[in-house]
Each structure stands twice: as C-alpha cells, then as structure tokens.
Amino acid sequence: MDNEPGQLHERVEVLATYGLAPGQQCVPRRFKRASGQTITITELGLRHPTHRGSRTVHVFDVTDGASEYRLEFDSERLTWWLTREAMYGQ
C-alpha cells in the first residue's frame, strides 16, 4: 500500500440495500468505523469491480456530504474495507 494521504485499510461494518434495478443491485447506505463513528452515505459515486489476485472486489466511491470515502467489498471473504477518506476542500 502506498503512503498517499487518505489511504486506509480499515475493516468496517456496512449497511447496504439490494435491489433489482440496474445500478441498484448493491448500494451501501451507511458504515460504522472501528472507533464507533457511524457515517451515513448521502450519495453513491463511481462503482466498479476489480480483481485482487483471483478475488473480485467491488469498489464504491461514496460521500456523506462532508467527506469522500472509498469502500471495498471482497465478495469472496464477504468483508467490507474503508480504503480512502478525503475531506472536501483538502
């Protein structure tokens, strides 16, 4: 992992909804950090699958209106990770 500002590797709990409509199959709605802080997601940005070795990881760029976050869902291990955080204006 590089040392770019905002780069993280923090396991998080995520509440997501699942729907039938295109683009709505999996939508993270809020997540809870290890510190206990709960972030409510107000907007979903880019979303795309990628591969880490043989595993598929789904990447979600989201915001709570004050900061931008990148959440990653490992579909093999069924785990969510917070991998990036950036406050607006920084």
PDB file of N, CA and C in Angstrom:
ATOM      1  N   MET A   1       0.857  -1.185   0.000  1.00  0.00           N
ATOM      2  CA  MET A   1       0.000   0.000   0.000  1.00  0.00           C
ATOM      3  C   MET A   1       0.892   1.234   0.000  1.00  0.00           C
ATOM      4  N   ASP A   2       0.553   2.199  -0.833  1.00  0.00           N
ATOM      5  CA  ASP A   2       1.378   3.409  -0.843  1.00  0.00           C
ATOM      6  C   ASP A   2       0.974   4.331   0.294  1.00  0.00           C
ATOM      7  N   ASN A   3       1.787   5.356   0.494  1.00  0.00           N
ATOM      8  CA  ASN A   3       1.598   6.252   1.629  1.00  0.00           C
ATOM      9  C   ASN A   3       0.898   7.548   1.252  1.00  0.00           C
ATOM     10  N   GLU A   4       0.008   7.503   0.272  1.00  0.00           N
ATOM     11  CA  GLU A   4      -0.738   8.696  -0.111  1.00  0.00           C
ATOM     12  C   GLU A   4      -1.621   9.143   1.045  1.00  0.00           C
ATOM     13  N   PRO A   5      -1.784  10.458   1.223  1.00  0.00           N
ATOM     14  CA  PRO A   5      -2.709  10.933   2.254  1.00  0.00           C
ATOM     15  C   PRO A   5      -4.109  10.377   1.996  1.00  0.00           C
ATOM     16  N   GLY A   6      -4.780   9.983   3.054  1.00  0.00           N
ATOM     17  CA  GLY A   6      -6.133   9.471   2.928  1.00  0.00           C
ATOM     18  C   GLY A   6      -6.230   7.989   2.667  1.00  0.00           C
ATOM     19  N   GLN A   7      -5.100   7.325   2.395  1.00  0.00           N
ATOM     20  CA  GLN A   7      -5.113   5.883   2.152  1.00  0.00           C
ATOM     21  C   GLN A   7      -5.301   5.146   3.468  1.00  0.00           C
ATOM     22  N   LEU A   8      -6.233   4.200   3.500  1.00  0.00           N
ATOM     23  CA  LEU A   8      -6.542   3.439   4.704  1.00  0.00           C
ATOM     24  C   LEU A   8      -6.671   1.961   4.366  1.00  0.00           C
ATOM     25  N   HIS A   9      -6.734   1.146   5.392  1.00  0.00           N
ATOM     26  CA  HIS A   9      -7.088  -0.269   5.256  1.00  0.00           C
ATOM     27  C   HIS A   9      -7.791  -0.650   6.554  1.00  0.00           C
ATOM     28  N   GLU A  10      -9.032  -0.150   6.698  1.00  0.00           N
ATOM     29  CA  GLU A  10      -9.787  -0.282   7.941  1.00  0.00           C
ATOM     30  C   GLU A  10     -11.034  -1.132   7.701  1.00  0.00           C
ATOM     31  N   ARG A  11     -11.161  -2.201   8.445  1.00  0.00           N
ATOM     32  CA  ARG A  11     -12.356  -3.044   8.352  1.00  0.00           C
ATOM     33  C   ARG A  11     -13.539  -2.265   8.913  1.00  0.00           C
ATOM     34  N   VAL A  12     -14.673  -2.279   8.205  1.00  0.00           N
ATOM     35  CA  VAL A  12     -15.861  -1.546   8.633  1.00  0.00           C
ATOM     36  C   VAL A  12     -17.097  -2.438   8.514  1.00  0.00           C
ATOM     37  N   GLU A  13     -18.134  -2.067   9.282  1.00  0.00           N
ATOM     38  CA  GLU A  13     -19.449  -2.693   9.161  1.00  0.00           C
ATOM     39  C   GLU A  13     -20.271  -1.824   8.224  1.00  0.00           C
ATOM     40  N   VAL A  14     -20.966  -2.448   7.269  1.00  0.00           N
ATOM     41  CA  VAL A  14     -21.730  -1.689   6.274  1.00  0.00           C
ATOM     42  C   VAL A  14     -23.178  -2.166   6.248  1.00  0.00           C
ATOM     43  N   LEU A  15     -24.091  -1.204   6.209  1.00  0.00           N
ATOM     44  CA  LEU A  15     -25.496  -1.484   5.960  1.00  0.00           C
ATOM     45  C   LEU A  15     -25.734  -1.146   4.490  1.00  0.00           C
ATOM     46  N   ALA A  16     -26.173  -2.134   3.715  1.00  0.00           N
ATOM     47  CA  ALA A  16     -26.403  -1.931   2.285  1.00  0.00           C
ATOM     48  C   ALA A  16     -27.799  -2.421   1.927  1.00  0.00           C
ATOM     49  N   THR A  17     -28.353  -1.846   0.869  1.00  0.00           N
ATOM     50  CA  THR A  17     -29.621  -2.329   0.332  1.00  0.00           C
ATOM     51  C   THR A  17     -29.343  -2.999  -1.003  1.00  0.00           C
ATOM     52  N   TYR A  18     -30.217  -3.920  -1.348  1.00  0.00           N
ATOM     53  CA  TYR A  18     -30.068  -4.681  -2.582  1.00  0.00           C
ATOM     54  C   TYR A  18     -31.376  -4.605  -3.349  1.00  0.00           C
ATOM     55  N   GLY A  19     -31.280  -4.275  -4.643  1.00  0.00           N
ATOM     56  CA  GLY A  19     -32.480  -4.128  -5.460  1.00  0.00           C
ATOM     57  C   GLY A  19     -32.327  -4.817  -6.800  1.00  0.00           C
ATOM     58  N   LEU A  20     -33.375  -4.739  -7.594  1.00  0.00           N
ATOM     59  CA  LEU A  20     -33.396  -5.386  -8.903  1.00  0.00           C
ATOM     60  C   LEU A  20     -32.979  -4.454 -10.033  1.00  0.00           C
ATOM     61  N   ALA A  21     -33.154  -3.156  -9.846  1.00  0.00           N
ATOM     62  CA  ALA A  21     -32.893  -2.189 -10.914  1.00  0.00           C
ATOM     63  C   ALA A  21     -31.402  -2.098 -11.218  1.00  0.00           C
ATOM     64  N   PRO A  22     -31.052  -1.879 -12.489  1.00  0.00           N
ATOM     65  CA  PRO A  22     -29.638  -1.693 -12.824  1.00  0.00           C
ATOM     66  C   PRO A  22     -29.038  -0.553 -12.002  1.00  0.00           C
ATOM     67  N   GLY A  23     -27.856  -0.782 -11.469  1.00  0.00           N
ATOM     68  CA  GLY A  23     -27.187   0.214 -10.647  1.00  0.00           C
ATOM     69  C   GLY A  23     -27.635   0.204  -9.199  1.00  0.00           C
ATOM     70  N   GLN A  24     -28.641  -0.595  -8.882  1.00  0.00           N
ATOM     71  CA  GLN A  24     -29.166  -0.659  -7.513  1.00  0.00           C
ATOM     72  C   GLN A  24     -28.986  -2.046  -6.892  1.00  0.00           C
ATOM     73  N   GLN A  25     -28.211  -2.919  -7.560  1.00  0.00           N
ATOM     74  CA  GLN A  25     -28.049  -4.279  -7.058  1.00  0.00           C
ATOM     75  C   GLN A  25     -27.459  -4.296  -5.655  1.00  0.00           C
ATOM     76  N   CYS A  26     -26.517  -3.420  -5.375  1.00  0.00           N
ATOM     77  CA  CYS A  26     -25.919  -3.299  -4.044  1.00  0.00           C
ATOM     78  C   CYS A  26     -25.569  -1.831  -3.825  1.00  0.00           C
ATOM     79  N   VAL A  27     -26.185  -1.226  -2.811  1.00  0.00           N
ATOM     80  CA  VAL A  27     -25.952   0.193  -2.532  1.00  0.00           C
ATOM     81  C   VAL A  27     -25.636   0.355  -1.048  1.00  0.00           C
ATOM     82  N   PRO A  28     -24.383   0.701  -0.699  1.00  0.00           N
ATOM     83  CA  PRO A  28     -24.079   0.954   0.708  1.00  0.00           C
ATOM     84  C   PRO A  28     -24.809   2.208   1.182  1.00  0.00           C
ATOM     85  N   ARG A  29     -25.438   2.132   2.361  1.00  0.00           N
ATOM     86  CA  ARG A  29     -26.219   3.249   2.893  1.00  0.00           C
ATOM     87  C   ARG A  29     -25.533   3.927   4.074  1.00  0.00           C
ATOM     88  N   ARG A  30     -24.859   3.143   4.897  1.00  0.00           N
ATOM     89  CA  ARG A  30     -24.083   3.723   6.000  1.00  0.00           C
ATOM     90  C   ARG A  30     -23.057   2.695   6.435  1.00  0.00           C
ATOM     91  N   PHE A  31     -22.011   3.201   7.128  1.00  0.00           N
ATOM     92  CA  PHE A  31     -20.995   2.288   7.640  1.00  0.00           C
ATOM     93  C   PHE A  31     -20.522   2.752   9.002  1.00  0.00           C
ATOM     94  N   LYS A  32     -20.017   1.790   9.757  1.00  0.00           N
ATOM     95  CA  LYS A  32     -19.547   2.046  11.117  1.00  0.00           C
ATOM     96  C   LYS A  32     -18.071   1.705  11.185  1.00  0.00           C
ATOM     97  N   ARG A  33     -17.294   2.683  11.672  1.00  0.00           N
ATOM     98  CA  ARG A  33     -15.849   2.522  11.790  1.00  0.00           C
ATOM     99  C   ARG A  33     -15.500   1.824  13.100  1.00  0.00           C
ATOM    100  N   ALA A  34     -14.275   1.352  13.215  1.00  0.00           N
ATOM    101  CA  ALA A  34     -13.814   0.669  14.427  1.00  0.00           C
ATOM    102  C   ALA A  34     -13.917   1.575  15.649  1.00  0.00           C
ATOM    103  N   SER A  35     -13.817   2.884  15.435  1.00  0.00           N
ATOM    104  CA  SER A  35     -13.916   3.856  16.534  1.00  0.00           C
ATOM    105  C   SER A  35     -15.343   3.990  17.065  1.00  0.00           C
ATOM    106  N   GLY A  36     -16.309   3.420  16.340  1.00  0.00           N
ATOM    107  CA  GLY A  36     -17.714   3.544  16.708  1.00  0.00           C
ATOM    108  C   GLY A  36     -18.443   4.619  15.924  1.00  0.00           C
ATOM    109  N   GLN A  37     -17.709   5.442  15.179  1.00  0.00           N
ATOM    110  CA  GLN A  37     -18.310   6.511  14.374  1.00  0.00           C
ATOM    111  C   GLN A  37     -19.154   5.902  13.255  1.00  0.00           C
ATOM    112  N   THR A  38     -20.386   6.373  13.120  1.00  0.00           N
ATOM    113  CA  THR A  38     -21.268   5.919  12.047  1.00  0.00           C
ATOM    114  C   THR A  38     -21.363   7.007  10.992  1.00  0.00           C
ATOM    115  N   ILE A  39     -21.149   6.639   9.745  1.00  0.00           N
ATOM    116  CA  ILE A  39     -21.197   7.554   8.604  1.00  0.00           C
ATOM    117  C   ILE A  39     -22.434   7.204   7.781  1.00  0.00           C
ATOM    118  N   THR A  40     -23.305   8.182   7.552  1.00  0.00           N
ATOM    119  CA  THR A  40     -24.479   7.984   6.703  1.00  0.00           C
ATOM    120  C   THR A  40     -24.148   8.480   5.303  1.00  0.00           C
ATOM    121  N   ILE A  41     -24.283   7.617   4.349  1.00  0.00           N
ATOM    122  CA  ILE A  41     -23.939   7.924   2.958  1.00  0.00           C
ATOM    123  C   ILE A  41     -25.096   8.679   2.314  1.00  0.00           C
ATOM    124  N   THR A  42     -24.778   9.821   1.706  1.00  0.00           N
ATOM    125  CA  THR A  42     -25.806  10.632   1.056  1.00  0.00           C
ATOM    126  C   THR A  42     -25.777  10.509  -0.462  1.00  0.00           C
ATOM    127  N   GLU A  43     -24.658  10.030  -1.010  1.00  0.00           N
ATOM    128  CA  GLU A  43     -24.554   9.915  -2.466  1.00  0.00           C
ATOM    129  C   GLU A  43     -23.563   8.828  -2.833  1.00  0.00           C
ATOM    130  N   LEU A  44     -23.940   8.034  -3.823  1.00  0.00           N
ATOM    131  CA  LEU A  44     -23.073   6.994  -4.364  1.00  0.00           C
ATOM    132  C   LEU A  44     -22.454   7.522  -5.641  1.00  0.00           C
ATOM    133  N   GLY A  45     -21.135   7.481  -5.715  1.00  0.00           N
ATOM    134  CA  GLY A  45     -20.432   7.931  -6.915  1.00  0.00           C
ATOM    135  C   GLY A  45     -20.132   6.748  -7.821  1.00  0.00           C
ATOM    136  N   LEU A  46     -18.895   6.656  -8.256  1.00  0.00           N
ATOM    137  CA  LEU A  46     -18.493   5.560  -9.130  1.00  0.00           C
ATOM    138  C   LEU A  46     -18.519   4.242  -8.384  1.00  0.00           C
ATOM    139  N   ARG A  47     -18.809   3.203  -9.129  1.00  0.00           N
ATOM    140  CA  ARG A  47     -18.843   1.854  -8.579  1.00  0.00           C
ATOM    141  C   ARG A  47     -18.308   0.925  -9.653  1.00  0.00           C
ATOM    142  N   HIS A  48     -17.375   0.058  -9.290  1.00  0.00           N
ATOM    143  CA  HIS A  48     -16.824  -0.846 -10.292  1.00  0.00           C
ATOM    144  C   HIS A  48     -16.187  -2.058  -9.626  1.00  0.00           C
ATOM    145  N   PRO A  49     -16.189  -3.197 -10.322  1.00  0.00           N
ATOM    146  CA  PRO A  49     -15.484  -4.368  -9.810  1.00  0.00           C
ATOM    147  C   PRO A  49     -14.023  -4.325 -10.248  1.00  0.00           C
ATOM    148  N   THR A  50     -13.171  -4.925  -9.459  1.00  0.00           N
ATOM    149  CA  THR A  50     -11.761  -5.077  -9.805  1.00  0.00           C
ATOM    150  C   THR A  50     -11.315  -6.433  -9.275  1.00  0.00           C
ATOM    151  N   HIS A  51     -10.108  -6.821  -9.583  1.00  0.00           N
ATOM    152  CA  HIS A  51      -9.605  -8.114  -9.114  1.00  0.00           C
ATOM    153  C   HIS A  51      -8.349  -7.926  -8.282  1.00  0.00           C
ATOM    154  N   ARG A  52      -8.258  -8.672  -7.207  1.00  0.00           N
ATOM    155  CA  ARG A  52      -7.067  -8.759  -6.357  1.00  0.00           C
ATOM    156  C   ARG A  52      -6.676 -10.225  -6.372  1.00  0.00           C
ATOM    157  N   GLY A  53      -5.747 -10.564  -7.240  1.00  0.00           N
ATOM    158  CA  GLY A  53      -5.449 -11.980  -7.442  1.00  0.00           C
ATOM    159  C   GLY A  53      -6.672 -12.623  -8.081  1.00  0.00           C
ATOM    160  N   SER A  54      -7.156 -13.703  -7.493  1.00  0.00           N
ATOM    161  CA  SER A  54      -8.326 -14.391  -8.041  1.00  0.00           C
ATOM    162  C   SER A  54      -9.640 -13.868  -7.457  1.00  0.00           C
ATOM    163  N   ARG A  55      -9.562 -12.953  -6.484  1.00  0.00           N
ATOM    164  CA  ARG A  55     -10.761 -12.448  -5.813  1.00  0.00           C
ATOM    165  C   ARG A  55     -11.337 -11.232  -6.535  1.00  0.00           C
ATOM    166  N   THR A  56     -12.659 -11.159  -6.584  1.00  0.00           N
ATOM    167  CA  THR A  56     -13.340  -9.977  -7.106  1.00  0.00           C
ATOM    168  C   THR A  56     -13.649  -9.045  -5.946  1.00  0.00           C
ATOM    169  N   VAL A  57     -13.268  -7.785  -6.095  1.00  0.00           N
ATOM    170  CA  VAL A  57     -13.529  -6.755  -5.091  1.00  0.00           C
ATOM    171  C   VAL A  57     -14.375  -5.674  -5.758  1.00  0.00           C
ATOM    172  N   HIS A  58     -15.480  -5.319  -5.110  1.00  0.00           N
ATOM    173  CA  HIS A  58     -16.366  -4.272  -5.624  1.00  0.00           C
ATOM    174  C   HIS A  58     -16.021  -2.967  -4.921  1.00  0.00           C
ATOM    175  N   VAL A  59     -15.710  -1.938  -5.703  1.00  0.00           N
ATOM    176  CA  VAL A  59     -15.249  -0.648  -5.188  1.00  0.00           C
ATOM    177  C   VAL A  59     -16.387   0.366  -5.314  1.00  0.00           C
ATOM    178  N   PHE A  60     -16.650   1.090  -4.214  1.00  0.00           N
ATOM    179  CA  PHE A  60     -17.713   2.092  -4.163  1.00  0.00           C
ATOM    180  C   PHE A  60     -17.121   3.409  -3.685  1.00  0.00           C
ATOM    181  N   ASP A  61     -17.250   4.468  -4.484  1.00  0.00           N
ATOM    182  CA  ASP A  61     -16.890   5.814  -4.045  1.00  0.00           C
ATOM    183  C   ASP A  61     -18.172   6.477  -3.554  1.00  0.00           C
ATOM    184  N   VAL A  62     -18.158   6.931  -2.291  1.00  0.00           N
ATOM    185  CA  VAL A  62     -19.361   7.469  -1.651  1.00  0.00           C
ATOM    186  C   VAL A  62     -19.025   8.755  -0.911  1.00  0.00           C
ATOM    187  N   THR A  63     -20.069   9.491  -0.523  1.00  0.00           N
ATOM    188  CA  THR A  63     -19.881  10.705   0.270  1.00  0.00           C
ATOM    189  C   THR A  63     -20.978  10.812   1.322  1.00  0.00           C
ATOM    190  N   ASP A  64     -20.652  11.531   2.389  1.00  0.00           N
ATOM    191  CA  ASP A  64     -21.651  11.885   3.402  1.00  0.00           C
ATOM    192  C   ASP A  64     -21.957  13.379   3.333  1.00  0.00           C
ATOM    193  N   GLY A  65     -21.457  14.051   2.300  1.00  0.00           N
ATOM    194  CA  GLY A  65     -21.659  15.485   2.134  1.00  0.00           C
ATOM    195  C   GLY A  65     -20.526  16.324   2.698  1.00  0.00           C
ATOM    196  N   ALA A  66     -19.721  15.749   3.585  1.00  0.00           N
ATOM    197  CA  ALA A  66     -18.584  16.466   4.176  1.00  0.00           C
ATOM    198  C   ALA A  66     -17.257  15.855   3.757  1.00  0.00           C
ATOM    199  N   SER A  67     -17.252  14.552   3.504  1.00  0.00           N
ATOM    200  CA  SER A  67     -16.035  13.831   3.115  1.00  0.00           C
ATOM    201  C   SER A  67     -16.370  12.811   2.040  1.00  0.00           C
ATOM    202  N   GLU A  68     -15.342  12.412   1.314  1.00  0.00           N
ATOM    203  CA  GLU A  68     -15.474  11.346   0.328  1.00  0.00           C
ATOM    204  C   GLU A  68     -14.786  10.112   0.875  1.00  0.00           C
ATOM    205  N   TYR A  69     -15.360   8.943   0.577  1.00  0.00           N
ATOM    206  CA  TYR A  69     -14.821   7.686   1.068  1.00  0.00           C
ATOM    207  C   TYR A  69     -14.784   6.675  -0.064  1.00  0.00           C
ATOM    208  N   ARG A  70     -13.884   5.722   0.053  1.00  0.00           N
ATOM    209  CA  ARG A  70     -13.887   4.571  -0.842  1.00  0.00           C
ATOM    210  C   ARG A  70     -14.095   3.333   0.013  1.00  0.00           C
ATOM    211  N   LEU A  71     -15.167   2.610  -0.286  1.00  0.00           N
ATOM    212  CA  LEU A  71     -15.459   1.344   0.367  1.00  0.00           C
ATOM    213  C   LEU A  71     -15.192   0.224  -0.620  1.00  0.00           C
ATOM    214  N   GLU A  72     -14.655  -0.873  -0.122  1.00  0.00           N
ATOM    215  CA  GLU A  72     -14.393  -2.031  -0.973  1.00  0.00           C
ATOM    216  C   GLU A  72     -15.011  -3.268  -0.341  1.00  0.00           C
ATOM    217  N   PHE A  73     -15.762  -4.016  -1.158  1.00  0.00           N
ATOM    218  CA  PHE A  73     -16.397  -5.250  -0.701  1.00  0.00           C
ATOM    219  C   PHE A  73     -15.702  -6.431  -1.357  1.00  0.00           C
ATOM    220  N   ASP A  74     -15.103  -7.287  -0.539  1.00  0.00           N
ATOM    221  CA  ASP A  74     -14.449  -8.505  -1.017  1.00  0.00           C
ATOM    222  C   ASP A  74     -15.527  -9.585  -1.101  1.00  0.00           C
ATOM    223  N   SER A  75     -15.924  -9.947  -2.314  1.00  0.00           N
ATOM    224  CA  SER A  75     -17.054 -10.859  -2.494  1.00  0.00           C
ATOM    225  C   SER A  75     -16.712 -12.309  -2.169  1.00  0.00           C
ATOM    226  N   GLU A  76     -15.447 -12.637  -2.036  1.00  0.00           N
ATOM    227  CA  GLU A  76     -15.074 -13.995  -1.626  1.00  0.00           C
ATOM    228  C   GLU A  76     -15.047 -14.106  -0.106  1.00  0.00           C
ATOM    229  N   ARG A  77     -14.451 -13.136   0.542  1.00  0.00           N
ATOM    230  CA  ARG A  77     -14.331 -13.157   2.009  1.00  0.00           C
ATOM    231  C   ARG A  77     -15.527 -12.518   2.710  1.00  0.00           C
ATOM    232  N   LEU A  78     -16.412 -11.870   1.928  1.00  0.00           N
ATOM    233  CA  LEU A  78     -17.612 -11.200   2.452  1.00  0.00           C
ATOM    234  C   LEU A  78     -17.254 -10.178   3.524  1.00  0.00           C
ATOM    235  N   THR A  79     -16.249  -9.350   3.222  1.00  0.00           N
ATOM    236  CA  THR A  79     -15.798  -8.314   4.149  1.00  0.00           C
ATOM    237  C   THR A  79     -15.787  -6.957   3.453  1.00  0.00           C
ATOM    238  N   TRP A  80     -16.046  -5.911   4.245  1.00  0.00           N
ATOM    239  CA  TRP A  80     -16.016  -4.533   3.773  1.00  0.00           C
ATOM    240  C   TRP A  80     -14.798  -3.840   4.361  1.00  0.00           C
ATOM    241  N   TRP A  81     -14.160  -2.987   3.555  1.00  0.00           N
ATOM    242  CA  TRP A  81     -12.985  -2.226   3.980  1.00  0.00           C
ATOM    243  C   TRP A  81     -13.142  -0.773   3.567  1.00  0.00           C
ATOM    244  N   LEU A  82     -12.738   0.131   4.435  1.00  0.00           N
ATOM    245  CA  LEU A  82     -12.613   1.551   4.110  1.00  0.00           C
ATOM    246  C   LEU A  82     -11.174   1.748   3.671  1.00  0.00           C
ATOM    247  N   THR A  83     -10.967   2.160   2.413  1.00  0.00           N
ATOM    248  CA  THR A  83      -9.606   2.259   1.883  1.00  0.00           C
ATOM    249  C   THR A  83      -9.171   3.689   1.577  1.00  0.00           C
ATOM    250  N   ARG A  84     -10.120   4.630   1.636  1.00  0.00           N
ATOM    251  CA  ARG A  84      -9.749   6.023   1.371  1.00  0.00           C
ATOM    252  C   ARG A  84     -10.745   6.959   2.042  1.00  0.00           C
ATOM    253  N   GLU A  85     -10.209   8.082   2.544  1.00  0.00           N
ATOM    254  CA  GLU A  85     -11.043   9.133   3.134  1.00  0.00           C
ATOM    255  C   GLU A  85     -10.425  10.474   2.772  1.00  0.00           C
ATOM    256  N   ALA A  86     -11.242  11.400   2.293  1.00  0.00           N
ATOM    257  CA  ALA A  86     -10.768  12.744   1.959  1.00  0.00           C
ATOM    258  C   ALA A  86     -11.859  13.740   2.306  1.00  0.00           C
ATOM    259  N   MET A  87     -11.501  14.744   3.101  1.00  0.00           N
ATOM    260  CA  MET A  87     -12.460  15.799   3.433  1.00  0.00           C
ATOM    261  C   MET A  87     -12.533  16.775   2.269  1.00  0.00           C
ATOM    262  N   TYR A  88     -13.723  17.321   2.008  1.00  0.00           N
ATOM    263  CA  TYR A  88     -13.863  18.324   0.956  1.00  0.00           C
ATOM    264  C   TYR A  88     -13.008  19.532   1.287  1.00  0.00           C
ATOM    265  N   GLY A  89     -12.398  20.095   0.262  1.00  0.00           N
ATOM    266  CA  GLY A  89     -11.579  21.287   0.441  1.00  0.00           C
ATOM    267  C   GLY A  89     -10.142  20.994   0.820  1.00  0.00           C
ATOM    268  N   GLN A  90      -9.769  19.720   0.877  1.00  0.00           N
ATOM    269  CA  GLN A  90      -8.378  19.382   1.207  1.00  0.00           C
ATOM    270  C   GLN A  90      -7.711  18.752   0.021  1.00  0.00           C
TER     271      GLN A  90
END
